[in-house]
C-alpha cells in the first residue's frame, strides 16, 4: 500500500511512531524537524478524517427524504408537530 492509500489506523500508527521517536529525544535535529512536520501533516489529515466521519454520522434522512443534521437534544413531539389540548 502506498502512503496515499493508507488506512486511518495505519496513519495513526505512523503518527504514534513519530511521537514515540521524538519523545525519546535521541533524534538528530534535522530528522526531528522533518518528523515533526510529517507528524503535524498526519495529525491534520487524521483530524479531517474524524471530522468528516462525525459530519456523516450526525446526518439523518427526514420524512421528506431530505438529509438533515441530527440533533440529539431536540425533543420530538409525539403528536407530529400538532398541539394536543387536554
C-alpha atoms as a PDB file:
ATOM      1  CA  UNK A   1       0.000   0.000   0.000  1.00  0.00           C
ATOM      2  CA  UNK A   2       1.414   3.420  -0.890  1.00  0.00           C
ATOM      3  CA  UNK A   3       1.444   6.194   1.680  1.00  0.00           C
ATOM      4  CA  UNK A   4      -1.506   7.862  -0.091  1.00  0.00           C
ATOM      5  CA  UNK A   5      -3.635   4.727   0.296  1.00  0.00           C
ATOM      6  CA  UNK A   6      -3.051   4.046   3.976  1.00  0.00           C
ATOM      7  CA  UNK A   7      -5.990   3.397   6.248  1.00  0.00           C
ATOM      8  CA  UNK A   8      -6.847   5.681   9.140  1.00  0.00           C
ATOM      9  CA  UNK A   9      -5.448   3.121  11.559  1.00  0.00           C
ATOM     10  CA  UNK A  10      -2.169   2.810   9.642  1.00  0.00           C
ATOM     11  CA  UNK A  11      -1.729   6.584   9.581  1.00  0.00           C
ATOM     12  CA  UNK A  12      -2.498   6.748  13.301  1.00  0.00           C
ATOM     13  CA  UNK A  13       0.180   4.106  13.945  1.00  0.00           C
ATOM     14  CA  UNK A  14       2.644   6.165  11.895  1.00  0.00           C
ATOM     15  CA  UNK A  15       1.829   9.250  13.967  1.00  0.00           C
ATOM     16  CA  UNK A  16       2.242   7.305  17.204  1.00  0.00           C
ATOM     17  CA  UNK A  17       5.631   6.012  15.989  1.00  0.00           C
ATOM     18  CA  UNK A  18       6.753   9.558  15.169  1.00  0.00           C
ATOM     19  CA  UNK A  19       5.671  10.824  18.579  1.00  0.00           C
ATOM     20  CA  UNK A  20       7.429   7.939  20.298  1.00  0.00           C
ATOM     21  CA  UNK A  21      10.641   8.565  18.393  1.00  0.00           C
ATOM     22  CA  UNK A  22      10.559  12.303  19.169  1.00  0.00           C
ATOM     23  CA  UNK A  23       9.788  11.688  22.845  1.00  0.00           C
ATOM     24  CA  UNK A  24      12.934   9.560  23.158  1.00  0.00           C
ATOM     25  CA  UNK A  25      14.928  12.664  22.299  1.00  0.00           C
ATOM     26  CA  UNK A  26      17.845  10.917  20.616  1.00  0.00           C
ATOM     27  CA  UNK A  27      16.961  12.045  17.095  1.00  0.00           C
ATOM     28  CA  UNK A  28      19.242  14.480  15.239  1.00  0.00           C
ATOM     29  CA  UNK A  29      17.748  17.965  14.943  1.00  0.00           C
ATOM     30  CA  UNK A  30      17.198  17.863  11.169  1.00  0.00           C
ATOM     31  CA  UNK A  31      15.468  14.497  11.374  1.00  0.00           C
ATOM     32  CA  UNK A  32      13.424  15.642  14.365  1.00  0.00           C
ATOM     33  CA  UNK A  33      12.186  18.680  12.429  1.00  0.00           C
ATOM     34  CA  UNK A  34      11.298  16.549   9.401  1.00  0.00           C
ATOM     35  CA  UNK A  35       9.496  14.011  11.583  1.00  0.00           C
ATOM     36  CA  UNK A  36       7.689  16.788  13.440  1.00  0.00           C
ATOM     37  CA  UNK A  37       6.451  18.289  10.161  1.00  0.00           C
ATOM     38  CA  UNK A  38       5.337  14.866   8.952  1.00  0.00           C
ATOM     39  CA  UNK A  39       3.554  14.314  12.271  1.00  0.00           C
ATOM     40  CA  UNK A  40       1.748  17.651  12.027  1.00  0.00           C
ATOM     41  CA  UNK A  41       0.588  16.811   8.493  1.00  0.00           C
ATOM     42  CA  UNK A  42      -0.583  13.355   9.600  1.00  0.00           C
ATOM     43  CA  UNK A  43      -2.366  14.826  12.610  1.00  0.00           C
ATOM     44  CA  UNK A  44      -4.197  17.334  10.393  1.00  0.00           C
ATOM     45  CA  UNK A  45      -5.221  14.602   7.932  1.00  0.00           C
ATOM     46  CA  UNK A  46      -6.454  12.332  10.735  1.00  0.00           C
ATOM     47  CA  UNK A  47      -8.428  15.189  12.305  1.00  0.00           C
ATOM     48  CA  UNK A  48     -10.086  15.935   8.957  1.00  0.00           C
ATOM     49  CA  UNK A  49     -10.982  12.264   8.555  1.00  0.00           C
ATOM     50  CA  UNK A  50     -12.545  12.206  12.019  1.00  0.00           C
ATOM     51  CA  UNK A  51     -14.473  15.421  11.345  1.00  0.00           C
ATOM     52  CA  UNK A  52     -15.807  14.039   8.051  1.00  0.00           C
ATOM     53  CA  UNK A  53     -16.873  10.839   9.812  1.00  0.00           C
ATOM     54  CA  UNK A  54     -18.629  12.829  12.535  1.00  0.00           C
ATOM     55  CA  UNK A  55     -20.382  15.004   9.955  1.00  0.00           C
ATOM     56  CA  UNK A  56     -21.578  11.896   8.116  1.00  0.00           C
ATOM     57  CA  UNK A  57     -22.745  10.125  11.262  1.00  0.00           C
ATOM     58  CA  UNK A  58     -24.744  13.107  12.516  1.00  0.00           C
ATOM     59  CA  UNK A  59     -26.886  13.318   9.387  1.00  0.00           C
ATOM     60  CA  UNK A  60     -30.237  11.603   9.097  1.00  0.00           C
ATOM     61  CA  UNK A  61     -32.908  11.437   6.444  1.00  0.00           C
ATOM     62  CA  UNK A  62     -36.153  13.129   7.441  1.00  0.00           C
ATOM     63  CA  UNK A  63     -39.660  12.085   6.413  1.00  0.00           C
ATOM     64  CA  UNK A  64     -39.423  14.154   3.217  1.00  0.00           C
ATOM     65  CA  UNK A  65     -36.247  12.318   2.164  1.00  0.00           C
ATOM     66  CA  UNK A  66     -34.009  15.288   2.924  1.00  0.00           C
ATOM     67  CA  UNK A  67     -30.654  14.983   4.629  1.00  0.00           C
ATOM     68  CA  UNK A  68     -30.633  16.937   7.885  1.00  0.00           C
ATOM     69  CA  UNK A  69     -28.326  17.260  10.875  1.00  0.00           C
ATOM     70  CA  UNK A  70     -29.347  15.018  13.767  1.00  0.00           C
ATOM     71  CA  UNK A  71     -29.963  16.944  16.965  1.00  0.00           C
ATOM     72  CA  UNK A  72     -29.802  14.632  19.962  1.00  0.00           C
ATOM     73  CA  UNK A  73     -31.149  17.243  22.371  1.00  0.00           C
ATOM     74  CA  UNK A  74     -34.108  18.174  20.181  1.00  0.00           C
ATOM     75  CA  UNK A  75     -37.332  16.830  21.649  1.00  0.00           C
ATOM     76  CA  UNK A  76     -39.667  15.235  19.178  1.00  0.00           C
ATOM     77  CA  UNK A  77     -43.361  15.758  19.595  1.00  0.00           C
ATOM     78  CA  UNK A  78     -45.441  12.599  19.808  1.00  0.00           C
ATOM     79  CA  UNK A  79     -48.220  14.466  18.037  1.00  0.00           C
ATOM     80  CA  UNK A  80     -46.217  15.013  14.854  1.00  0.00           C
ATOM     81  CA  UNK A  81     -45.940  18.742  15.493  1.00  0.00           C
ATOM     82  CA  UNK A  82     -49.629  19.278  16.246  1.00  0.00           C
ATOM     83  CA  UNK A  83     -50.663  20.748  19.546  1.00  0.00           C
ATOM     84  CA  UNK A  84     -52.607  18.450  21.789  1.00  0.00           C
ATOM     85  CA  UNK A  85     -55.069  20.099  24.099  1.00  0.00           C
ATOM     86  CA  UNK A  86     -56.301  18.171  27.108  1.00  0.00           C
END
